[in-house]
Amino acid sequence: MKNSNKKGFTLVELLIVIAIISILTALIITNIYSSRGKARDAKRISDIAQLQLALEQYFNKFGVYPDSNNLQTSLVSDYISVLPKDPDSGLTYTYKSSNDKYDYVLSANLEYVNGATADSLPEDPYPDISENISCDPIGLVYCVGPK
C-alpha cells in the first residue's frame, strides 16, 4: 500500500524559495552598498565644510589663506584638531590657494553624483586656481572656494 500523505517540500518548491531568497539578498546587499557610498559622500562634504571653516578663521587672523604646501602646519592645533581625510582612501582632500593667497579651492572626489545636493555642487569658483582640479557641478568632484 502506498502512503499518499507524504509530508515535505518538492524539489521545485525548494528551488523557488531559494531563488526568491537569492533575489531579495541581492537587492538588500545592493542597497546597503549604495547607502554606505552615500554616507561616505556626506562625510566628505562635512569634512570640506569643516576645513572651509578653519580656513576662514585663519583668513580672519592673517588676512590671507595658507599656502597650498603648508595646510597641515598652518591649520592643525589652532584651527582644527586634525586634518580630515577621505573615509575611503585615507588621503587628505585637495587644497590649492591662489598665488596672492586671497582665494582657494578645496575638493573631494565623490562616489555618487547625487551624494550632494545641487546647491552644494557649485561651478568651479576659481578656474585659474584649480587648473589641476576638475571641478564639475554635475560630476564626481565636489569643490568649494572662500565663503
N, C-alpha and C. Protein backbone atom coordinates (compact mmCIF):
# COMPACT_ATOMS: atom_id res chain seq x y z
N MET A 1 0.82 -1.16 0.00
CA MET A 1 0.00 0.00 0.00
C MET A 1 0.89 1.25 0.00
N LYS A 2 0.55 2.16 -0.89
CA LYS A 2 1.32 3.41 -0.98
C LYS A 2 0.78 4.43 -0.01
N ASN A 3 1.72 5.15 0.60
CA ASN A 3 1.34 6.21 1.52
C ASN A 3 1.25 7.51 0.74
N SER A 4 0.05 8.05 0.55
CA SER A 4 -0.13 9.26 -0.25
C SER A 4 -0.07 10.52 0.60
N ASN A 5 0.11 10.42 1.86
CA ASN A 5 0.18 11.58 2.75
C ASN A 5 1.63 11.91 3.10
N LYS A 6 2.48 12.06 2.09
CA LYS A 6 3.88 12.43 2.34
C LYS A 6 3.95 13.86 2.81
N LYS A 7 4.78 14.08 3.79
CA LYS A 7 5.00 15.44 4.27
C LYS A 7 6.35 15.91 3.77
N GLY A 8 6.44 17.22 3.44
CA GLY A 8 7.70 17.80 2.98
C GLY A 8 7.49 18.63 1.73
N PHE A 9 8.58 19.18 1.25
CA PHE A 9 8.53 20.04 0.07
C PHE A 9 9.08 19.30 -1.14
N THR A 10 8.55 19.64 -2.28
CA THR A 10 9.09 19.06 -3.51
C THR A 10 10.33 19.84 -3.90
N LEU A 11 11.09 19.28 -4.80
CA LEU A 11 12.32 19.93 -5.28
C LEU A 11 12.01 21.27 -5.95
N VAL A 12 10.95 21.33 -6.70
CA VAL A 12 10.56 22.57 -7.39
C VAL A 12 10.23 23.67 -6.37
N GLU A 13 9.50 23.32 -5.31
CA GLU A 13 9.16 24.30 -4.28
C GLU A 13 10.41 24.83 -3.59
N LEU A 14 11.33 23.95 -3.28
CA LEU A 14 12.59 24.38 -2.65
C LEU A 14 13.40 25.30 -3.57
N LEU A 15 13.46 24.97 -4.84
CA LEU A 15 14.19 25.81 -5.79
C LEU A 15 13.56 27.19 -5.92
N ILE A 16 12.25 27.26 -5.91
CA ILE A 16 11.56 28.56 -5.99
C ILE A 16 11.86 29.40 -4.76
N VAL A 17 11.81 28.79 -3.59
CA VAL A 17 12.09 29.52 -2.35
C VAL A 17 13.55 30.00 -2.34
N ILE A 18 14.48 29.17 -2.76
CA ILE A 18 15.89 29.56 -2.81
C ILE A 18 16.10 30.70 -3.80
N ALA A 19 15.42 30.65 -4.93
CA ALA A 19 15.54 31.73 -5.93
C ALA A 19 15.01 33.04 -5.37
N ILE A 20 13.88 33.02 -4.70
CA ILE A 20 13.31 34.24 -4.11
C ILE A 20 14.23 34.81 -3.04
N ILE A 21 14.76 33.95 -2.19
CA ILE A 21 15.69 34.41 -1.14
C ILE A 21 16.94 35.01 -1.77
N SER A 22 17.45 34.42 -2.83
CA SER A 22 18.64 34.95 -3.51
C SER A 22 18.39 36.32 -4.10
N ILE A 23 17.24 36.50 -4.72
CA ILE A 23 16.91 37.80 -5.32
C ILE A 23 16.78 38.87 -4.23
N LEU A 24 16.10 38.55 -3.15
CA LEU A 24 15.95 39.51 -2.05
C LEU A 24 17.31 39.86 -1.43
N THR A 25 18.17 38.88 -1.27
CA THR A 25 19.51 39.12 -0.72
C THR A 25 20.31 40.04 -1.62
N ALA A 26 20.24 39.82 -2.92
CA ALA A 26 20.97 40.67 -3.86
C ALA A 26 20.46 42.11 -3.79
N LEU A 27 19.16 42.30 -3.69
CA LEU A 27 18.60 43.65 -3.59
C LEU A 27 19.04 44.34 -2.30
N ILE A 28 19.03 43.62 -1.21
CA ILE A 28 19.42 44.20 0.08
C ILE A 28 20.90 44.58 0.08
N ILE A 29 21.75 43.71 -0.43
CA ILE A 29 23.19 43.99 -0.46
C ILE A 29 23.48 45.21 -1.34
N THR A 30 22.80 45.32 -2.47
CA THR A 30 22.99 46.47 -3.35
C THR A 30 22.60 47.76 -2.65
N ASN A 31 21.48 47.75 -1.93
CA ASN A 31 21.04 48.94 -1.21
C ASN A 31 22.02 49.31 -0.10
N ILE A 32 22.53 48.33 0.61
CA ILE A 32 23.48 48.60 1.69
C ILE A 32 24.76 49.22 1.12
N TYR A 33 25.26 48.66 0.02
CA TYR A 33 26.48 49.19 -0.59
C TYR A 33 26.28 50.63 -1.05
N SER A 34 25.17 50.90 -1.68
CA SER A 34 24.88 52.25 -2.17
C SER A 34 24.73 53.22 -0.99
N SER A 35 24.08 52.78 0.08
CA SER A 35 23.91 53.64 1.26
C SER A 35 25.25 53.97 1.90
N ARG A 36 26.15 53.02 1.95
CA ARG A 36 27.47 53.28 2.52
C ARG A 36 28.24 54.29 1.69
N GLY A 37 28.16 54.19 0.37
CA GLY A 37 28.83 55.15 -0.51
C GLY A 37 28.27 56.54 -0.33
N LYS A 38 26.96 56.64 -0.21
CA LYS A 38 26.34 57.95 0.00
C LYS A 38 26.71 58.52 1.37
N ALA A 39 26.84 57.66 2.36
CA ALA A 39 27.26 58.11 3.69
C ALA A 39 28.70 58.62 3.65
N ARG A 40 29.56 57.94 2.88
CA ARG A 40 30.95 58.43 2.73
C ARG A 40 30.96 59.78 2.02
N ASP A 41 30.09 59.96 1.03
CA ASP A 41 30.00 61.26 0.34
C ASP A 41 29.55 62.35 1.31
N ALA A 42 28.58 62.05 2.15
CA ALA A 42 28.12 63.03 3.14
C ALA A 42 29.25 63.39 4.10
N LYS A 43 30.06 62.40 4.47
CA LYS A 43 31.21 62.66 5.35
C LYS A 43 32.23 63.56 4.64
N ARG A 44 32.46 63.31 3.36
CA ARG A 44 33.40 64.14 2.59
C ARG A 44 32.93 65.59 2.56
N ILE A 45 31.65 65.79 2.30
CA ILE A 45 31.11 67.15 2.23
C ILE A 45 31.19 67.82 3.58
N SER A 46 30.93 67.07 4.64
CA SER A 46 31.06 67.60 6.00
C SER A 46 32.51 67.96 6.32
N ASP A 47 33.44 67.10 5.92
CA ASP A 47 34.87 67.38 6.14
C ASP A 47 35.30 68.65 5.42
N ILE A 48 34.84 68.82 4.18
CA ILE A 48 35.19 70.01 3.41
C ILE A 48 34.64 71.26 4.10
N ALA A 49 33.41 71.18 4.62
CA ALA A 49 32.83 72.32 5.34
C ALA A 49 33.64 72.64 6.59
N GLN A 50 34.14 71.63 7.27
CA GLN A 50 34.97 71.82 8.46
C GLN A 50 36.29 72.50 8.09
N LEU A 51 36.90 72.03 7.02
CA LEU A 51 38.14 72.66 6.54
C LEU A 51 37.89 74.10 6.10
N GLN A 52 36.77 74.32 5.44
CA GLN A 52 36.42 75.65 4.97
C GLN A 52 36.29 76.61 6.16
N LEU A 53 35.67 76.16 7.24
CA LEU A 53 35.55 76.97 8.44
C LEU A 53 36.92 77.29 9.04
N ALA A 54 37.78 76.30 9.12
CA ALA A 54 39.14 76.52 9.65
C ALA A 54 39.91 77.50 8.77
N LEU A 55 39.75 77.40 7.46
CA LEU A 55 40.43 78.32 6.55
C LEU A 55 39.91 79.75 6.73
N GLU A 56 38.62 79.91 6.96
CA GLU A 56 38.07 81.25 7.18
C GLU A 56 38.58 81.84 8.49
N GLN A 57 38.73 81.02 9.51
CA GLN A 57 39.29 81.51 10.78
C GLN A 57 40.74 81.94 10.58
N TYR A 58 41.49 81.16 9.83
CA TYR A 58 42.88 81.51 9.52
C TYR A 58 42.92 82.84 8.76
N PHE A 59 42.04 82.99 7.78
CA PHE A 59 41.99 84.21 6.98
C PHE A 59 41.65 85.42 7.85
N ASN A 60 40.71 85.25 8.79
CA ASN A 60 40.34 86.35 9.68
C ASN A 60 41.52 86.81 10.52
N LYS A 61 42.41 85.91 10.87
CA LYS A 61 43.55 86.28 11.71
C LYS A 61 44.70 86.86 10.89
N PHE A 62 45.01 86.27 9.73
CA PHE A 62 46.19 86.67 8.97
C PHE A 62 45.90 87.48 7.71
N GLY A 63 44.65 87.53 7.27
CA GLY A 63 44.30 88.30 6.08
C GLY A 63 44.59 87.60 4.76
N VAL A 64 45.13 86.41 4.81
CA VAL A 64 45.39 85.59 3.62
C VAL A 64 45.10 84.14 3.99
N TYR A 65 44.95 83.31 2.95
CA TYR A 65 44.77 81.88 3.18
C TYR A 65 46.14 81.21 3.19
N PRO A 66 46.27 80.07 3.85
CA PRO A 66 47.57 79.40 3.90
C PRO A 66 48.05 78.95 2.52
N ASP A 67 49.34 78.83 2.41
CA ASP A 67 49.94 78.34 1.17
C ASP A 67 49.50 76.89 0.95
N SER A 68 49.42 76.51 -0.30
CA SER A 68 48.98 75.14 -0.64
C SER A 68 49.83 74.07 0.00
N ASN A 69 51.11 74.33 0.17
CA ASN A 69 52.03 73.33 0.72
C ASN A 69 52.05 73.29 2.23
N ASN A 70 51.47 74.29 2.90
CA ASN A 70 51.56 74.39 4.35
C ASN A 70 50.23 74.25 5.06
N LEU A 71 49.29 73.57 4.47
CA LEU A 71 47.97 73.47 5.07
C LEU A 71 48.02 72.76 6.42
N GLN A 72 48.74 71.69 6.51
CA GLN A 72 48.85 70.92 7.76
C GLN A 72 49.42 71.78 8.89
N THR A 73 50.55 72.42 8.64
CA THR A 73 51.19 73.19 9.71
C THR A 73 50.44 74.48 10.01
N SER A 74 49.71 75.02 9.04
CA SER A 74 49.00 76.27 9.24
C SER A 74 47.72 76.10 10.05
N LEU A 75 47.03 75.03 9.86
CA LEU A 75 45.70 74.89 10.46
C LEU A 75 45.66 74.02 11.71
N VAL A 76 46.43 72.95 11.74
CA VAL A 76 46.31 71.98 12.82
C VAL A 76 46.76 72.60 14.14
N SER A 77 46.04 72.34 15.15
CA SER A 77 46.17 72.75 16.54
C SER A 77 45.48 74.08 16.82
N ASP A 78 45.64 75.10 15.99
CA ASP A 78 44.99 76.38 16.27
C ASP A 78 43.56 76.46 15.73
N TYR A 79 43.31 75.84 14.57
CA TYR A 79 42.02 76.00 13.92
C TYR A 79 41.25 74.69 13.73
N ILE A 80 41.95 73.60 13.74
CA ILE A 80 41.33 72.28 13.58
C ILE A 80 42.24 71.26 14.26
N SER A 81 41.65 70.28 14.93
CA SER A 81 42.48 69.35 15.69
C SER A 81 43.30 68.43 14.80
N VAL A 82 42.73 67.99 13.70
CA VAL A 82 43.43 67.13 12.76
C VAL A 82 42.83 67.35 11.39
N LEU A 83 43.66 67.29 10.36
CA LEU A 83 43.13 67.44 9.00
C LEU A 83 42.30 66.21 8.66
N PRO A 84 41.04 66.41 8.26
CA PRO A 84 40.22 65.26 7.91
C PRO A 84 40.74 64.58 6.65
N LYS A 85 40.49 63.29 6.57
CA LYS A 85 40.93 62.50 5.42
C LYS A 85 39.72 61.81 4.79
N ASP A 86 39.87 61.46 3.55
CA ASP A 86 38.82 60.77 2.83
C ASP A 86 38.49 59.46 3.55
N PRO A 87 37.21 59.18 3.80
CA PRO A 87 36.85 57.97 4.55
C PRO A 87 37.16 56.67 3.82
N ASP A 88 37.34 56.73 2.52
CA ASP A 88 37.60 55.50 1.77
C ASP A 88 39.09 55.32 1.50
N SER A 89 39.73 56.35 0.96
CA SER A 89 41.14 56.21 0.57
C SER A 89 42.11 56.57 1.71
N GLY A 90 41.66 57.38 2.67
CA GLY A 90 42.54 57.80 3.75
C GLY A 90 43.47 58.93 3.36
N LEU A 91 43.31 59.49 2.17
CA LEU A 91 44.14 60.60 1.71
C LEU A 91 43.51 61.93 2.12
N THR A 92 44.32 62.97 2.24
CA THR A 92 43.78 64.28 2.56
C THR A 92 43.09 64.86 1.32
N TYR A 93 42.23 65.81 1.55
CA TYR A 93 41.49 66.44 0.46
C TYR A 93 42.41 67.41 -0.28
N THR A 94 42.06 67.72 -1.52
CA THR A 94 42.88 68.59 -2.35
C THR A 94 42.63 70.04 -1.99
N TYR A 95 43.70 70.77 -1.73
CA TYR A 95 43.63 72.20 -1.40
C TYR A 95 44.63 72.94 -2.28
N LYS A 96 44.18 74.00 -2.90
CA LYS A 96 45.05 74.81 -3.74
C LYS A 96 44.72 76.27 -3.51
N SER A 97 45.71 77.07 -3.10
CA SER A 97 45.48 78.50 -2.91
C SER A 97 45.99 79.26 -4.13
N SER A 98 45.44 80.46 -4.31
CA SER A 98 45.88 81.29 -5.42
C SER A 98 47.26 81.86 -5.10
N ASN A 99 47.91 82.42 -6.09
CA ASN A 99 49.25 82.99 -5.87
C ASN A 99 49.23 84.13 -4.86
N ASP A 100 48.16 84.95 -4.89
CA ASP A 100 48.08 86.06 -3.94
C ASP A 100 47.50 85.65 -2.58
N LYS A 101 47.06 84.39 -2.46
CA LYS A 101 46.54 83.78 -1.22
C LYS A 101 45.24 84.43 -0.74
N TYR A 102 44.48 85.03 -1.68
CA TYR A 102 43.17 85.58 -1.34
C TYR A 102 42.04 84.65 -1.75
N ASP A 103 42.35 83.61 -2.47
CA ASP A 103 41.37 82.64 -2.92
C ASP A 103 41.92 81.23 -2.76
N TYR A 104 41.03 80.26 -2.77
CA TYR A 104 41.45 78.86 -2.70
C TYR A 104 40.37 77.98 -3.28
N VAL A 105 40.71 76.73 -3.53
CA VAL A 105 39.76 75.70 -3.93
C VAL A 105 40.04 74.46 -3.09
N LEU A 106 39.00 73.94 -2.48
CA LEU A 106 39.05 72.67 -1.74
C LEU A 106 38.22 71.68 -2.53
N SER A 107 38.71 70.46 -2.71
CA SER A 107 37.91 69.50 -3.47
C SER A 107 37.99 68.10 -2.86
N ALA A 108 36.95 67.33 -3.17
CA ALA A 108 36.88 65.93 -2.75
C ALA A 108 36.24 65.14 -3.89
N ASN A 109 36.68 63.93 -4.06
CA ASN A 109 36.09 63.05 -5.07
C ASN A 109 34.92 62.30 -4.45
N LEU A 110 33.75 62.44 -5.07
CA LEU A 110 32.55 61.77 -4.59
C LEU A 110 32.37 60.43 -5.29
N GLU A 111 31.61 59.55 -4.66
CA GLU A 111 31.30 58.26 -5.26
C GLU A 111 30.00 58.31 -6.06
N TYR A 112 29.09 59.17 -5.66
CA TYR A 112 27.79 59.27 -6.31
C TYR A 112 27.51 60.72 -6.64
N VAL A 113 27.04 60.99 -7.84
CA VAL A 113 26.70 62.36 -8.23
C VAL A 113 25.61 62.89 -7.32
N ASN A 114 24.66 62.07 -6.97
CA ASN A 114 23.56 62.50 -6.12
C ASN A 114 23.91 62.46 -4.64
N GLY A 115 25.17 62.25 -4.31
CA GLY A 115 25.59 62.26 -2.92
C GLY A 115 25.52 63.65 -2.32
N ALA A 116 25.40 64.66 -3.16
CA ALA A 116 25.29 66.04 -2.70
C ALA A 116 24.11 66.68 -3.39
N THR A 117 23.61 67.73 -2.78
CA THR A 117 22.50 68.44 -3.42
C THR A 117 23.04 69.32 -4.52
N ALA A 118 22.17 69.79 -5.38
CA ALA A 118 22.59 70.67 -6.47
C ALA A 118 23.18 71.97 -5.91
N ASP A 119 22.66 72.43 -4.76
CA ASP A 119 23.17 73.67 -4.16
C ASP A 119 24.60 73.51 -3.67
N SER A 120 24.98 72.31 -3.26
CA SER A 120 26.31 72.13 -2.70
C SER A 120 27.33 71.70 -3.75
N LEU A 121 26.96 71.71 -5.01
CA LEU A 121 27.90 71.42 -6.08
C LEU A 121 28.05 72.65 -6.97
N PRO A 122 28.79 73.66 -6.49
CA PRO A 122 28.91 74.89 -7.27
C PRO A 122 29.77 74.70 -8.50
N GLU A 123 29.61 75.61 -9.44
CA GLU A 123 30.52 75.59 -10.58
C GLU A 123 31.89 75.95 -10.07
N ASP A 124 32.89 75.67 -10.86
CA ASP A 124 34.27 75.94 -10.49
C ASP A 124 34.41 77.42 -10.14
N PRO A 125 34.60 77.76 -8.84
CA PRO A 125 34.61 79.16 -8.46
C PRO A 125 35.85 79.91 -8.94
N TYR A 126 36.94 79.22 -9.06
CA TYR A 126 38.19 79.88 -9.45
C TYR A 126 38.95 79.01 -10.44
N PRO A 127 38.59 79.05 -11.70
CA PRO A 127 39.24 78.16 -12.67
C PRO A 127 40.74 78.40 -12.80
N ASP A 128 41.21 79.62 -12.50
CA ASP A 128 42.65 79.88 -12.59
C ASP A 128 43.42 79.21 -11.45
N ILE A 129 42.76 78.94 -10.33
CA ILE A 129 43.43 78.26 -9.20
C ILE A 129 43.40 76.76 -9.40
N SER A 130 42.30 76.26 -9.94
CA SER A 130 42.08 74.82 -9.97
C SER A 130 42.45 74.18 -11.29
N GLU A 131 43.56 74.60 -11.87
CA GLU A 131 43.92 74.03 -13.16
C GLU A 131 44.15 72.53 -13.09
N ASN A 132 44.55 71.99 -11.95
CA ASN A 132 44.76 70.55 -11.82
C ASN A 132 43.61 69.85 -11.11
N ILE A 133 42.53 70.59 -10.82
CA ILE A 133 41.36 70.04 -10.15
C ILE A 133 40.19 70.22 -11.10
N SER A 134 39.53 69.16 -11.44
CA SER A 134 38.40 69.28 -12.37
C SER A 134 37.10 69.43 -11.59
N CYS A 135 36.77 70.67 -11.23
CA CYS A 135 35.53 70.95 -10.52
C CYS A 135 34.38 70.89 -11.51
N ASP A 136 33.46 69.99 -11.27
CA ASP A 136 32.37 69.76 -12.20
C ASP A 136 31.07 69.76 -11.42
N PRO A 137 30.16 70.71 -11.67
CA PRO A 137 28.94 70.81 -10.87
C PRO A 137 28.01 69.60 -11.00
N ILE A 138 28.12 68.83 -12.07
CA ILE A 138 27.27 67.64 -12.18
C ILE A 138 28.09 66.36 -12.15
N GLY A 139 29.36 66.46 -11.81
CA GLY A 139 30.23 65.31 -11.82
C GLY A 139 30.53 64.78 -10.44
N LEU A 140 31.65 64.11 -10.33
CA LEU A 140 32.01 63.44 -9.09
C LEU A 140 33.07 64.17 -8.30
N VAL A 141 33.34 65.44 -8.63
CA VAL A 141 34.31 66.22 -7.87
C VAL A 141 33.57 67.37 -7.20
N TYR A 142 33.61 67.40 -5.89
CA TYR A 142 32.94 68.43 -5.10
C TYR A 142 33.98 69.50 -4.79
N CYS A 143 33.72 70.75 -5.16
CA CYS A 143 34.66 71.85 -4.94
C CYS A 143 33.99 73.01 -4.23
N VAL A 144 34.74 73.66 -3.37
CA VAL A 144 34.28 74.90 -2.72
C VAL A 144 35.41 75.90 -2.74
N GLY A 145 35.05 77.16 -2.62
CA GLY A 145 36.00 78.26 -2.51
C GLY A 145 35.71 79.04 -1.24
N PRO A 146 36.26 80.23 -1.11
CA PRO A 146 36.01 81.04 0.09
C PRO A 146 34.53 81.36 0.25
N LYS A 147 34.11 81.51 1.50
CA LYS A 147 32.70 81.86 1.77
C LYS A 147 32.47 83.32 1.52
